[in-house]
Amino acid sequence: MKKLTAGVVTGLVLGAVQGVVTEAPDADAFGMFLGALGRGSQGVINGILVAYMTRPMTPLWRGGLTGAMVGAVLAVVAMVAGNPAQPWVIAVPSSAVVGAGCGIAAAKVAR
């Protein structure tokens, strides 16, 4: 498995989980599907960016930190570009966690 594939798959899965978890309290099935789709696509973009930013033999902590920064920046950009569906206190840290997962996966495969 290449680091791009690992970053994208991890971003898709973690982003979809993030979308379902954040939409679950007060949404119907279609709303949860849309949340999973939107956050999953953000996770894919995060995985692509982190995979290209991760060099070979990158330590796991550096991959996770790079991914967390990319995830936080993507969350801020998404909130500035459109009407935010959730407050930044929830969106930015959860997107940073998704980014950290992408970064750790990409760094693990790049070893």
PDB file of N, CA and C in Angstrom:
ATOM      1  N   MET A   1       0.850  -1.171   0.000  1.00  0.00           N
ATOM      2  CA  MET A   1       0.000   0.000   0.000  1.00  0.00           C
ATOM      3  C   MET A   1       0.900   1.239   0.000  1.00  0.00           C
ATOM      4  N   LYS A   2       0.542   2.183  -0.804  1.00  0.00           N
ATOM      5  CA  LYS A   2       1.310   3.429  -0.867  1.00  0.00           C
ATOM      6  C   LYS A   2       0.762   4.428   0.132  1.00  0.00           C
ATOM      7  N   LYS A   3       1.591   5.442   0.433  1.00  0.00           N
ATOM      8  CA  LYS A   3       1.175   6.403   1.450  1.00  0.00           C
ATOM      9  C   LYS A   3      -0.021   7.234   1.006  1.00  0.00           C
ATOM     10  N   LEU A   4      -0.182   7.475  -0.283  1.00  0.00           N
ATOM     11  CA  LEU A   4      -1.351   8.207  -0.767  1.00  0.00           C
ATOM     12  C   LEU A   4      -2.629   7.390  -0.535  1.00  0.00           C
ATOM     13  N   THR A   5      -2.572   6.103  -0.832  1.00  0.00           N
ATOM     14  CA  THR A   5      -3.727   5.238  -0.608  1.00  0.00           C
ATOM     15  C   THR A   5      -4.068   5.159   0.877  1.00  0.00           C
ATOM     16  N   ALA A   6      -3.049   5.022   1.718  1.00  0.00           N
ATOM     17  CA  ALA A   6      -3.288   4.940   3.160  1.00  0.00           C
ATOM     18  C   ALA A   6      -3.898   6.233   3.687  1.00  0.00           C
ATOM     19  N   GLY A   7      -3.395   7.373   3.238  1.00  0.00           N
ATOM     20  CA  GLY A   7      -3.936   8.654   3.683  1.00  0.00           C
ATOM     21  C   GLY A   7      -5.365   8.870   3.233  1.00  0.00           C
ATOM     22  N   VAL A   8      -5.662   8.514   1.993  1.00  0.00           N
ATOM     23  CA  VAL A   8      -7.012   8.721   1.451  1.00  0.00           C
ATOM     24  C   VAL A   8      -8.024   7.786   2.116  1.00  0.00           C
ATOM     25  N   VAL A   9      -7.684   6.521   2.270  1.00  0.00           N
ATOM     26  CA  VAL A   9      -8.616   5.572   2.889  1.00  0.00           C
ATOM     27  C   VAL A   9      -8.860   5.950   4.351  1.00  0.00           C
ATOM     28  N   THR A  10      -7.798   6.303   5.063  1.00  0.00           N
ATOM     29  CA  THR A  10      -7.953   6.717   6.454  1.00  0.00           C
ATOM     30  C   THR A  10      -8.794   7.979   6.560  1.00  0.00           C
ATOM     31  N   GLY A  11      -8.544   8.942   5.678  1.00  0.00           N
ATOM     32  CA  GLY A  11      -9.328  10.176   5.685  1.00  0.00           C
ATOM     33  C   GLY A  11     -10.783   9.941   5.367  1.00  0.00           C
ATOM     34  N   LEU A  12     -11.049   9.054   4.439  1.00  0.00           N
ATOM     35  CA  LEU A  12     -12.438   8.748   4.081  1.00  0.00           C
ATOM     36  C   LEU A  12     -13.177   8.096   5.239  1.00  0.00           C
ATOM     37  N   VAL A  13     -12.557   7.116   5.862  1.00  0.00           N
ATOM     38  CA  VAL A  13     -13.210   6.408   6.963  1.00  0.00           C
ATOM     39  C   VAL A  13     -13.385   7.318   8.179  1.00  0.00           C
ATOM     40  N   LEU A  14     -12.303   7.989   8.598  1.00  0.00           N
ATOM     41  CA  LEU A  14     -12.403   8.851   9.776  1.00  0.00           C
ATOM     42  C   LEU A  14     -13.313  10.053   9.526  1.00  0.00           C
ATOM     43  N   GLY A  15     -13.277  10.593   8.317  1.00  0.00           N
ATOM     44  CA  GLY A  15     -14.159  11.709   7.993  1.00  0.00           C
ATOM     45  C   GLY A  15     -15.622  11.301   8.001  1.00  0.00           C
ATOM     46  N   ALA A  16     -15.916  10.131   7.471  1.00  0.00           N
ATOM     47  CA  ALA A  16     -17.304   9.654   7.485  1.00  0.00           C
ATOM     48  C   ALA A  16     -17.784   9.405   8.911  1.00  0.00           C
ATOM     49  N   VAL A  17     -16.933   8.846   9.742  1.00  0.00           N
ATOM     50  CA  VAL A  17     -17.292   8.635  11.143  1.00  0.00           C
ATOM     51  C   VAL A  17     -17.517   9.971  11.839  1.00  0.00           C
ATOM     52  N   GLN A  18     -16.649  10.942  11.563  1.00  0.00           N
ATOM     53  CA  GLN A  18     -16.813  12.275  12.142  1.00  0.00           C
ATOM     54  C   GLN A  18     -18.138  12.903  11.709  1.00  0.00           C
ATOM     55  N   GLY A  19     -18.486  12.764  10.451  1.00  0.00           N
ATOM     56  CA  GLY A  19     -19.738  13.310   9.957  1.00  0.00           C
ATOM     57  C   GLY A  19     -20.956  12.683  10.599  1.00  0.00           C
ATOM     58  N   VAL A  20     -20.925  11.372  10.790  1.00  0.00           N
ATOM     59  CA  VAL A  20     -22.052  10.687  11.430  1.00  0.00           C
ATOM     60  C   VAL A  20     -22.152  11.077  12.904  1.00  0.00           C
ATOM     61  N   VAL A  21     -21.022  11.139  13.588  1.00  0.00           N
ATOM     62  CA  VAL A  21     -21.031  11.458  15.014  1.00  0.00           C
ATOM     63  C   VAL A  21     -21.501  12.883  15.261  1.00  0.00           C
ATOM     64  N   THR A  22     -21.054  13.834  14.448  1.00  0.00           N
ATOM     65  CA  THR A  22     -21.439  15.222  14.685  1.00  0.00           C
ATOM     66  C   THR A  22     -22.873  15.509  14.268  1.00  0.00           C
ATOM     67  N   GLU A  23     -23.411  14.750  13.331  1.00  0.00           N
ATOM     68  CA  GLU A  23     -24.784  14.964  12.877  1.00  0.00           C
ATOM     69  C   GLU A  23     -25.799  14.109  13.628  1.00  0.00           C
ATOM     70  N   ALA A  24     -25.349  13.110  14.364  1.00  0.00           N
ATOM     71  CA  ALA A  24     -26.244  12.124  14.967  1.00  0.00           C
ATOM     72  C   ALA A  24     -27.253  12.679  15.973  1.00  0.00           C
ATOM     73  N   PRO A  25     -26.936  13.645  16.824  1.00  0.00           N
ATOM     74  CA  PRO A  25     -27.906  14.012  17.864  1.00  0.00           C
ATOM     75  C   PRO A  25     -29.250  14.504  17.351  1.00  0.00           C
ATOM     76  N   ASP A  26     -29.280  15.234  16.264  1.00  0.00           N
ATOM     77  CA  ASP A  26     -30.555  15.819  15.848  1.00  0.00           C
ATOM     78  C   ASP A  26     -30.809  15.727  14.343  1.00  0.00           C
ATOM     79  N   ALA A  27     -30.357  14.673  13.713  1.00  0.00           N
ATOM     80  CA  ALA A  27     -30.557  14.546  12.269  1.00  0.00           C
ATOM     81  C   ALA A  27     -31.234  13.216  11.944  1.00  0.00           C
ATOM     82  N   ASP A  28     -31.893  13.210  10.785  1.00  0.00           N
ATOM     83  CA  ASP A  28     -32.469  11.961  10.314  1.00  0.00           C
ATOM     84  C   ASP A  28     -31.404  11.191   9.535  1.00  0.00           C
ATOM     85  N   ALA A  29     -31.786  10.098   8.927  1.00  0.00           N
ATOM     86  CA  ALA A  29     -30.820   9.252   8.219  1.00  0.00           C
ATOM     87  C   ALA A  29     -30.192   9.983   7.034  1.00  0.00           C
ATOM     88  N   PHE A  30     -31.003  10.771   6.317  1.00  0.00           N
ATOM     89  CA  PHE A  30     -30.465  11.486   5.169  1.00  0.00           C
ATOM     90  C   PHE A  30     -29.492  12.576   5.610  1.00  0.00           C
ATOM     91  N   GLY A  31     -29.789  13.246   6.709  1.00  0.00           N
ATOM     92  CA  GLY A  31     -28.882  14.258   7.239  1.00  0.00           C
ATOM     93  C   GLY A  31     -27.566  13.655   7.692  1.00  0.00           C
ATOM     94  N   MET A  32     -27.627  12.467   8.293  1.00  0.00           N
ATOM     95  CA  MET A  32     -26.393  11.791   8.692  1.00  0.00           C
ATOM     96  C   MET A  32     -25.600  11.344   7.474  1.00  0.00           C
ATOM     97  N   PHE A  33     -26.302  10.909   6.423  1.00  0.00           N
ATOM     98  CA  PHE A  33     -25.625  10.519   5.187  1.00  0.00           C
ATOM     99  C   PHE A  33     -24.908  11.713   4.567  1.00  0.00           C
ATOM    100  N   LEU A  34     -25.572  12.857   4.528  1.00  0.00           N
ATOM    101  CA  LEU A  34     -24.941  14.051   3.975  1.00  0.00           C
ATOM    102  C   LEU A  34     -23.756  14.513   4.814  1.00  0.00           C
ATOM    103  N   GLY A  35     -23.870  14.414   6.125  1.00  0.00           N
ATOM    104  CA  GLY A  35     -22.744  14.759   6.997  1.00  0.00           C
ATOM    105  C   GLY A  35     -21.558  13.842   6.772  1.00  0.00           C
ATOM    106  N   ALA A  36     -21.839  12.551   6.634  1.00  0.00           N
ATOM    107  CA  ALA A  36     -20.764  11.596   6.378  1.00  0.00           C
ATOM    108  C   ALA A  36     -20.127  11.831   5.020  1.00  0.00           C
ATOM    109  N   LEU A  37     -20.938  12.168   4.032  1.00  0.00           N
ATOM    110  CA  LEU A  37     -20.416  12.429   2.695  1.00  0.00           C
ATOM    111  C   LEU A  37     -19.536  13.678   2.672  1.00  0.00           C
ATOM    112  N   GLY A  38     -20.000  14.735   3.317  1.00  0.00           N
ATOM    113  CA  GLY A  38     -19.233  15.983   3.341  1.00  0.00           C
ATOM    114  C   GLY A  38     -17.935  15.859   4.101  1.00  0.00           C
ATOM    115  N   ARG A  39     -17.993  15.277   5.294  1.00  0.00           N
ATOM    116  CA  ARG A  39     -16.764  15.127   6.081  1.00  0.00           C
ATOM    117  C   ARG A  39     -15.845  14.064   5.496  1.00  0.00           C
ATOM    118  N   GLY A  40     -16.410  13.066   4.836  1.00  0.00           N
ATOM    119  CA  GLY A  40     -15.583  12.074   4.163  1.00  0.00           C
ATOM    120  C   GLY A  40     -14.792  12.679   3.022  1.00  0.00           C
ATOM    121  N   SER A  41     -15.419  13.594   2.279  1.00  0.00           N
ATOM    122  CA  SER A  41     -14.697  14.262   1.189  1.00  0.00           C
ATOM    123  C   SER A  41     -13.611  15.180   1.742  1.00  0.00           C
ATOM    124  N   GLN A  42     -13.874  15.823   2.870  1.00  0.00           N
ATOM    125  CA  GLN A  42     -12.834  16.638   3.496  1.00  0.00           C
ATOM    126  C   GLN A  42     -11.684  15.752   3.979  1.00  0.00           C
ATOM    127  N   GLY A  43     -12.006  14.553   4.470  1.00  0.00           N
ATOM    128  CA  GLY A  43     -10.975  13.614   4.885  1.00  0.00           C
ATOM    129  C   GLY A  43     -10.133  13.120   3.723  1.00  0.00           C
ATOM    130  N   VAL A  44     -10.750  12.940   2.563  1.00  0.00           N
ATOM    131  CA  VAL A  44      -9.993  12.529   1.374  1.00  0.00           C
ATOM    132  C   VAL A  44      -9.000  13.623   0.980  1.00  0.00           C
ATOM    133  N   ILE A  45      -9.462  14.862   0.965  1.00  0.00           N
ATOM    134  CA  ILE A  45      -8.563  15.978   0.637  1.00  0.00           C
ATOM    135  C   ILE A  45      -7.438  16.060   1.656  1.00  0.00           C
ATOM    136  N   ASN A  46      -7.772  15.882   2.912  1.00  0.00           N
ATOM    137  CA  ASN A  46      -6.770  15.886   3.969  1.00  0.00           C
ATOM    138  C   ASN A  46      -5.750  14.778   3.747  1.00  0.00           C
ATOM    139  N   GLY A  47      -6.222  13.579   3.416  1.00  0.00           N
ATOM    140  CA  GLY A  47      -5.315  12.459   3.174  1.00  0.00           C
ATOM    141  C   GLY A  47      -4.388  12.693   1.999  1.00  0.00           C
ATOM    142  N   ILE A  48      -4.894  13.300   0.938  1.00  0.00           N
ATOM    143  CA  ILE A  48      -4.055  13.593  -0.227  1.00  0.00           C
ATOM    144  C   ILE A  48      -2.974  14.606   0.132  1.00  0.00           C
ATOM    145  N   LEU A  49      -3.365  15.687   0.803  1.00  0.00           N
ATOM    146  CA  LEU A  49      -2.394  16.722   1.164  1.00  0.00           C
ATOM    147  C   LEU A  49      -1.328  16.190   2.117  1.00  0.00           C
ATOM    148  N   VAL A  50      -1.752  15.433   3.096  1.00  0.00           N
ATOM    149  CA  VAL A  50      -0.791  14.906   4.066  1.00  0.00           C
ATOM    150  C   VAL A  50       0.132  13.881   3.419  1.00  0.00           C
ATOM    151  N   ALA A  51      -0.380  13.071   2.518  1.00  0.00           N
ATOM    152  CA  ALA A  51       0.472  12.082   1.859  1.00  0.00           C
ATOM    153  C   ALA A  51       1.555  12.756   1.023  1.00  0.00           C
ATOM    154  N   TYR A  52       1.227  13.858   0.388  1.00  0.00           N
ATOM    155  CA  TYR A  52       2.238  14.548  -0.393  1.00  0.00           C
ATOM    156  C   TYR A  52       3.203  15.341   0.473  1.00  0.00           C
ATOM    157  N   MET A  53       2.799  15.672   1.687  1.00  0.00           N
ATOM    158  CA  MET A  53       3.678  16.419   2.582  1.00  0.00           C
ATOM    159  C   MET A  53       4.561  15.503   3.427  1.00  0.00           C
ATOM    160  N   THR A  54       4.278  14.214   3.456  1.00  0.00           N
ATOM    161  CA  THR A  54       5.028  13.268   4.274  1.00  0.00           C
ATOM    162  C   THR A  54       6.173  12.680   3.464  1.00  0.00           C
ATOM    163  N   ARG A  55       7.372  12.881   3.967  1.00  0.00           N
ATOM    164  CA  ARG A  55       8.556  12.339   3.293  1.00  0.00           C
ATOM    165  C   ARG A  55       8.811  10.910   3.769  1.00  0.00           C
ATOM    166  N   PRO A  56       9.650  10.174   3.043  1.00  0.00           N
ATOM    167  CA  PRO A  56      10.011   8.838   3.534  1.00  0.00           C
ATOM    168  C   PRO A  56      10.756   8.935   4.864  1.00  0.00           C
ATOM    169  N   MET A  57      10.570   7.954   5.706  1.00  0.00           N
ATOM    170  CA  MET A  57      11.196   7.852   7.029  1.00  0.00           C
ATOM    171  C   MET A  57      10.763   8.978   7.983  1.00  0.00           C
ATOM    172  N   THR A  58       9.563   9.476   7.797  1.00  0.00           N
ATOM    173  CA  THR A  58       9.022  10.484   8.698  1.00  0.00           C
ATOM    174  C   THR A  58       8.574   9.811   9.991  1.00  0.00           C
ATOM    175  N   PRO A  59       8.943  10.375  11.152  1.00  0.00           N
ATOM    176  CA  PRO A  59       8.446   9.795  12.407  1.00  0.00           C
ATOM    177  C   PRO A  59       6.920   9.914  12.506  1.00  0.00           C
ATOM    178  N   LEU A  60       6.313   8.995  13.237  1.00  0.00           N
ATOM    179  CA  LEU A  60       4.863   8.997  13.353  1.00  0.00           C
ATOM    180  C   LEU A  60       4.336  10.269  14.002  1.00  0.00           C
ATOM    181  N   TRP A  61       5.049  10.788  14.995  1.00  0.00           N
ATOM    182  CA  TRP A  61       4.572  11.995  15.668  1.00  0.00           C
ATOM    183  C   TRP A  61       4.567  13.183  14.718  1.00  0.00           C
ATOM    184  N   ARG A  62       5.561  13.261  13.823  1.00  0.00           N
ATOM    185  CA  ARG A  62       5.607  14.375  12.878  1.00  0.00           C
ATOM    186  C   ARG A  62       4.517  14.242  11.821  1.00  0.00           C
ATOM    187  N   GLY A  63       4.246  13.023  11.384  1.00  0.00           N
ATOM    188  CA  GLY A  63       3.144  12.810  10.452  1.00  0.00           C
ATOM    189  C   GLY A  63       1.805  13.174  11.070  1.00  0.00           C
ATOM    190  N   GLY A  64       1.612  12.785  12.335  1.00  0.00           N
ATOM    191  CA  GLY A  64       0.377  13.134  13.031  1.00  0.00           C
ATOM    192  C   GLY A  64       0.231  14.628  13.245  1.00  0.00           C
ATOM    193  N   LEU A  65       1.327  15.296  13.594  1.00  0.00           N
ATOM    194  CA  LEU A  65       1.287  16.744  13.806  1.00  0.00           C
ATOM    195  C   LEU A  65       1.017  17.485  12.500  1.00  0.00           C
ATOM    196  N   THR A  66       1.659  17.049  11.429  1.00  0.00           N
ATOM    197  CA  THR A  66       1.414  17.667  10.124  1.00  0.00           C
ATOM    198  C   THR A  66      -0.037  17.463   9.695  1.00  0.00           C
ATOM    199  N   GLY A  67      -0.542  16.271   9.870  1.00  0.00           N
ATOM    200  CA  GLY A  67      -1.930  15.987   9.519  1.00  0.00           C
ATOM    201  C   GLY A  67      -2.914  16.786  10.352  1.00  0.00           C
ATOM    202  N   ALA A  68      -2.627  16.947  11.643  1.00  0.00           N
ATOM    203  CA  ALA A  68      -3.515  17.728  12.508  1.00  0.00           C
ATOM    204  C   ALA A  68      -3.552  19.190  12.072  1.00  0.00           C
ATOM    205  N   MET A  69      -2.403  19.731  11.686  1.00  0.00           N
ATOM    206  CA  MET A  69      -2.384  21.124  11.215  1.00  0.00           C
ATOM    207  C   MET A  69      -3.153  21.271   9.909  1.00  0.00           C
ATOM    208  N   VAL A  70      -2.980  20.328   8.996  1.00  0.00           N
ATOM    209  CA  VAL A  70      -3.703  20.382   7.727  1.00  0.00           C
ATOM    210  C   VAL A  70      -5.208  20.240   7.966  1.00  0.00           C
ATOM    211  N   GLY A  71      -5.598  19.341   8.851  1.00  0.00           N
ATOM    212  CA  GLY A  71      -7.014  19.156   9.162  1.00  0.00           C
ATOM    213  C   GLY A  71      -7.638  20.397   9.778  1.00  0.00           C
ATOM    214  N   ALA A  72      -6.907  21.050  10.677  1.00  0.00           N
ATOM    215  CA  ALA A  72      -7.430  22.269  11.296  1.00  0.00           C
ATOM    216  C   ALA A  72      -7.564  23.386  10.272  1.00  0.00           C
ATOM    217  N   VAL A  73      -6.591  23.519   9.397  1.00  0.00           N
ATOM    218  CA  VAL A  73      -6.658  24.563   8.363  1.00  0.00           C
ATOM    219  C   VAL A  73      -7.813  24.290   7.404  1.00  0.00           C
ATOM    220  N   LEU A  74      -8.014  23.035   7.021  1.00  0.00           N
ATOM    221  CA  LEU A  74      -9.140  22.710   6.144  1.00  0.00           C
ATOM    222  C   LEU A  74     -10.486  23.003   6.805  1.00  0.00           C
ATOM    223  N   ALA A  75     -10.584  22.761   8.100  1.00  0.00           N
ATOM    224  CA  ALA A  75     -11.833  23.058   8.811  1.00  0.00           C
ATOM    225  C   ALA A  75     -12.098  24.557   8.840  1.00  0.00           C
ATOM    226  N   VAL A  76     -11.060  25.340   9.069  1.00  0.00           N
ATOM    227  CA  VAL A  76     -11.223  26.801   9.077  1.00  0.00           C
ATOM    228  C   VAL A  76     -11.602  27.303   7.690  1.00  0.00           C
ATOM    229  N   VAL A  77     -10.963  26.775   6.664  1.00  0.00           N
ATOM    230  CA  VAL A  77     -11.291  27.179   5.294  1.00  0.00           C
ATOM    231  C   VAL A  77     -12.736  26.809   4.963  1.00  0.00           C
ATOM    232  N   ALA A  78     -13.164  25.627   5.360  1.00  0.00           N
ATOM    233  CA  ALA A  78     -14.546  25.212   5.096  1.00  0.00           C
ATOM    234  C   ALA A  78     -15.543  26.096   5.834  1.00  0.00           C
ATOM    235  N   MET A  79     -15.195  26.531   7.027  1.00  0.00           N
ATOM    236  CA  MET A  79     -16.110  27.381   7.785  1.00  0.00           C
ATOM    237  C   MET A  79     -16.151  28.798   7.234  1.00  0.00           C
ATOM    238  N   VAL A  80     -15.036  29.292   6.736  1.00  0.00           N
ATOM    239  CA  VAL A  80     -15.006  30.638   6.162  1.00  0.00           C
ATOM    240  C   VAL A  80     -15.694  30.651   4.805  1.00  0.00           C
ATOM    241  N   ALA A  81     -15.542  29.578   4.041  1.00  0.00           N
ATOM    242  CA  ALA A  81     -16.087  29.545   2.685  1.00  0.00           C
ATOM    243  C   ALA A  81     -17.602  29.406   2.646  1.00  0.00           C
ATOM    244  N   GLY A  82     -18.164  28.732   3.630  1.00  0.00           N
ATOM    245  CA  GLY A  82     -19.603  28.498   3.581  1.00  0.00           C
ATOM    246  C   GLY A  82     -20.260  28.786   4.906  1.00  0.00           C
ATOM    247  N   ASN A  83     -21.528  28.507   4.956  1.00  0.00           N
ATOM    248  CA  ASN A  83     -22.285  28.681   6.185  1.00  0.00           C
ATOM    249  C   ASN A  83     -22.007  27.497   7.104  1.00  0.00           C
ATOM    250  N   PRO A  84     -21.352  27.710   8.237  1.00  0.00           N
ATOM    251  CA  PRO A  84     -20.982  26.573   9.076  1.00  0.00           C
ATOM    252  C   PRO A  84     -22.202  25.916   9.707  1.00  0.00           C
ATOM    253  N   ALA A  85     -22.240  24.612   9.638  1.00  0.00           N
ATOM    254  CA  ALA A  85     -23.347  23.856  10.209  1.00  0.00           C
ATOM    255  C   ALA A  85     -23.135  23.595  11.696  1.00  0.00           C
ATOM    256  N   GLN A  86     -21.905  23.733  12.165  1.00  0.00           N
ATOM    257  CA  GLN A  86     -21.599  23.505  13.561  1.00  0.00           C
ATOM    258  C   GLN A  86     -20.575  24.541  14.025  1.00  0.00           C
ATOM    259  N   PRO A  87     -20.488  24.796  15.313  1.00  0.00           N
ATOM    260  CA  PRO A  87     -19.553  25.814  15.798  1.00  0.00           C
ATOM    261  C   PRO A  87     -18.101  25.387  15.595  1.00  0.00           C
ATOM    262  N   TRP A  88     -17.223  26.367  15.516  1.00  0.00           N
ATOM    263  CA  TRP A  88     -15.812  26.079  15.253  1.00  0.00           C
ATOM    264  C   TRP A  88     -15.174  25.316  16.404  1.00  0.00           C
ATOM    265  N   VAL A  89     -15.720  25.425  17.602  1.00  0.00           N
ATOM    266  CA  VAL A  89     -15.168  24.715  18.754  1.00  0.00           C
ATOM    267  C   VAL A  89     -15.290  23.202  18.576  1.00  0.00           C
ATOM    268  N   ILE A  90     -16.268  22.758  17.814  1.00  0.00           N
ATOM    269  CA  ILE A  90     -16.440  21.330  17.541  1.00  0.00           C
ATOM    270  C   ILE A  90     -15.754  20.939  16.235  1.00  0.00           C
ATOM    271  N   ALA A  91     -15.886  21.766  15.208  1.00  0.00           N
ATOM    272  CA  ALA A  91     -15.419  21.396  13.867  1.00  0.00           C
ATOM    273  C   ALA A  91     -13.901  21.353  13.751  1.00  0.00           C
ATOM    274  N   VAL A  92     -13.211  22.346  14.292  1.00  0.00           N
ATOM    275  CA  VAL A  92     -11.761  22.417  14.104  1.00  0.00           C
ATOM    276  C   VAL A  92     -11.036  21.291  14.846  1.00  0.00           C
ATOM    277  N   PRO A  93     -11.302  21.039  16.129  1.00  0.00           N
ATOM    278  CA  PRO A  93     -10.584  19.931  16.778  1.00  0.00           C
ATOM    279  C   PRO A  93     -10.907  18.554  16.194  1.00  0.00           C
ATOM    280  N   SER A  94     -12.155  18.333  15.810  1.00  0.00           N
ATOM    281  CA  SER A  94     -12.486  17.022  15.246  1.00  0.00           C
ATOM    282  C   SER A  94     -11.838  16.828  13.880  1.00  0.00           C
ATOM    283  N   SER A  95     -11.731  17.896  13.101  1.00  0.00           N
ATOM    284  CA  SER A  95     -11.027  17.792  11.821  1.00  0.00           C
ATOM    285  C   SER A  95      -9.529  17.613  12.029  1.00  0.00           C
ATOM    286  N   ALA A  96      -9.001  18.187  13.096  1.00  0.00           N
ATOM    287  CA  ALA A  96      -7.584  17.983  13.404  1.00  0.00           C
ATOM    288  C   ALA A  96      -7.316  16.530  13.793  1.00  0.00           C
ATOM    289  N   VAL A  97      -8.253  15.900  14.472  1.00  0.00           N
ATOM    290  CA  VAL A  97      -8.101  14.484  14.830  1.00  0.00           C
ATOM    291  C   VAL A  97      -8.120  13.610  13.572  1.00  0.00           C
ATOM    292  N   VAL A  98      -9.010  13.929  12.638  1.00  0.00           N
ATOM    293  CA  VAL A  98      -9.046  13.200  11.364  1.00  0.00           C
ATOM    294  C   VAL A  98      -7.727  13.387  10.624  1.00  0.00           C
ATOM    295  N   GLY A  99      -7.223  14.609  10.613  1.00  0.00           N
ATOM    296  CA  GLY A  99      -5.941  14.886   9.959  1.00  0.00           C
ATOM    297  C   GLY A  99      -4.789  14.153  10.616  1.00  0.00           C
ATOM    298  N   ALA A 100      -4.808  14.088  11.943  1.00  0.00           N
ATOM    299  CA  ALA A 100      -3.749  13.366  12.646  1.00  0.00           C
ATOM    300  C   ALA A 100      -3.774  11.881  12.281  1.00  0.00           C
ATOM    301  N   GLY A 101      -4.960  11.323  12.163  1.00  0.00           N
ATOM    302  CA  GLY A 101      -5.061   9.921  11.741  1.00  0.00           C
ATOM    303  C   GLY A 101      -4.509   9.710  10.346  1.00  0.00           C
ATOM    304  N   CYS A 102      -4.812  10.637   9.435  1.00  0.00           N
ATOM    305  CA  CYS A 102      -4.274  10.546   8.069  1.00  0.00           C
ATOM    306  C   CYS A 102      -2.757  10.651   8.071  1.00  0.00           C
ATOM    307  N   GLY A 103      -2.238  11.570   8.871  1.00  0.00           N
ATOM    308  CA  GLY A 103      -0.795  11.757   8.934  1.00  0.00           C
ATOM    309  C   GLY A 103      -0.073  10.558   9.510  1.00  0.00           C
ATOM    310  N   ILE A 104      -0.641   9.966  10.551  1.00  0.00           N
ATOM    311  CA  ILE A 104      -0.016   8.781  11.142  1.00  0.00           C
ATOM    312  C   ILE A 104      -0.055   7.614  10.162  1.00  0.00           C
ATOM    313  N   ALA A 105      -1.160   7.451   9.458  1.00  0.00           N
ATOM    314  CA  ALA A 105      -1.258   6.350   8.479  1.00  0.00           C
ATOM    315  C   ALA A 105      -0.258   6.540   7.346  1.00  0.00           C
ATOM    316  N   ALA A 106      -0.147   7.779   6.838  1.00  0.00           N
ATOM    317  CA  ALA A 106       0.795   8.034   5.754  1.00  0.00           C
ATOM    318  C   ALA A 106       2.235   7.869   6.204  1.00  0.00           C
ATOM    319  N   ALA A 107       2.544   8.309   7.425  1.00  0.00           N
ATOM    320  CA  ALA A 107       3.917   8.153   7.933  1.00  0.00           C
ATOM    321  C   ALA A 107       4.248   6.695   8.204  1.00  0.00           C
ATOM    322  N   LYS A 108       3.261   5.924   8.659  1.00  0.00           N
ATOM    323  CA  LYS A 108       3.479   4.512   8.926  1.00  0.00           C
ATOM    324  C   LYS A 108       3.797   3.751   7.640  1.00  0.00           C
ATOM    325  N   VAL A 109       3.104   4.075   6.572  1.00  0.00           N
ATOM    326  CA  VAL A 109       3.324   3.387   5.295  1.00  0.00           C
ATOM    327  C   VAL A 109       4.607   3.869   4.629  1.00  0.00           C
ATOM    328  N   ALA A 110       4.983   5.126   4.869  1.00  0.00           N
ATOM    329  CA  ALA A 110       6.174   5.682   4.215  1.00  0.00           C
ATOM    330  C   ALA A 110       7.475   5.166   4.823  1.00  0.00           C
ATOM    331  N   ARG A 111       7.416   4.369   5.835  1.00  0.00           N
ATOM    332  CA  ARG A 111       8.635   3.870   6.494  1.00  0.00           C
ATOM    333  C   ARG A 111       9.332   2.845   5.667  1.00  0.00           C
TER     334      ARG A 111
END
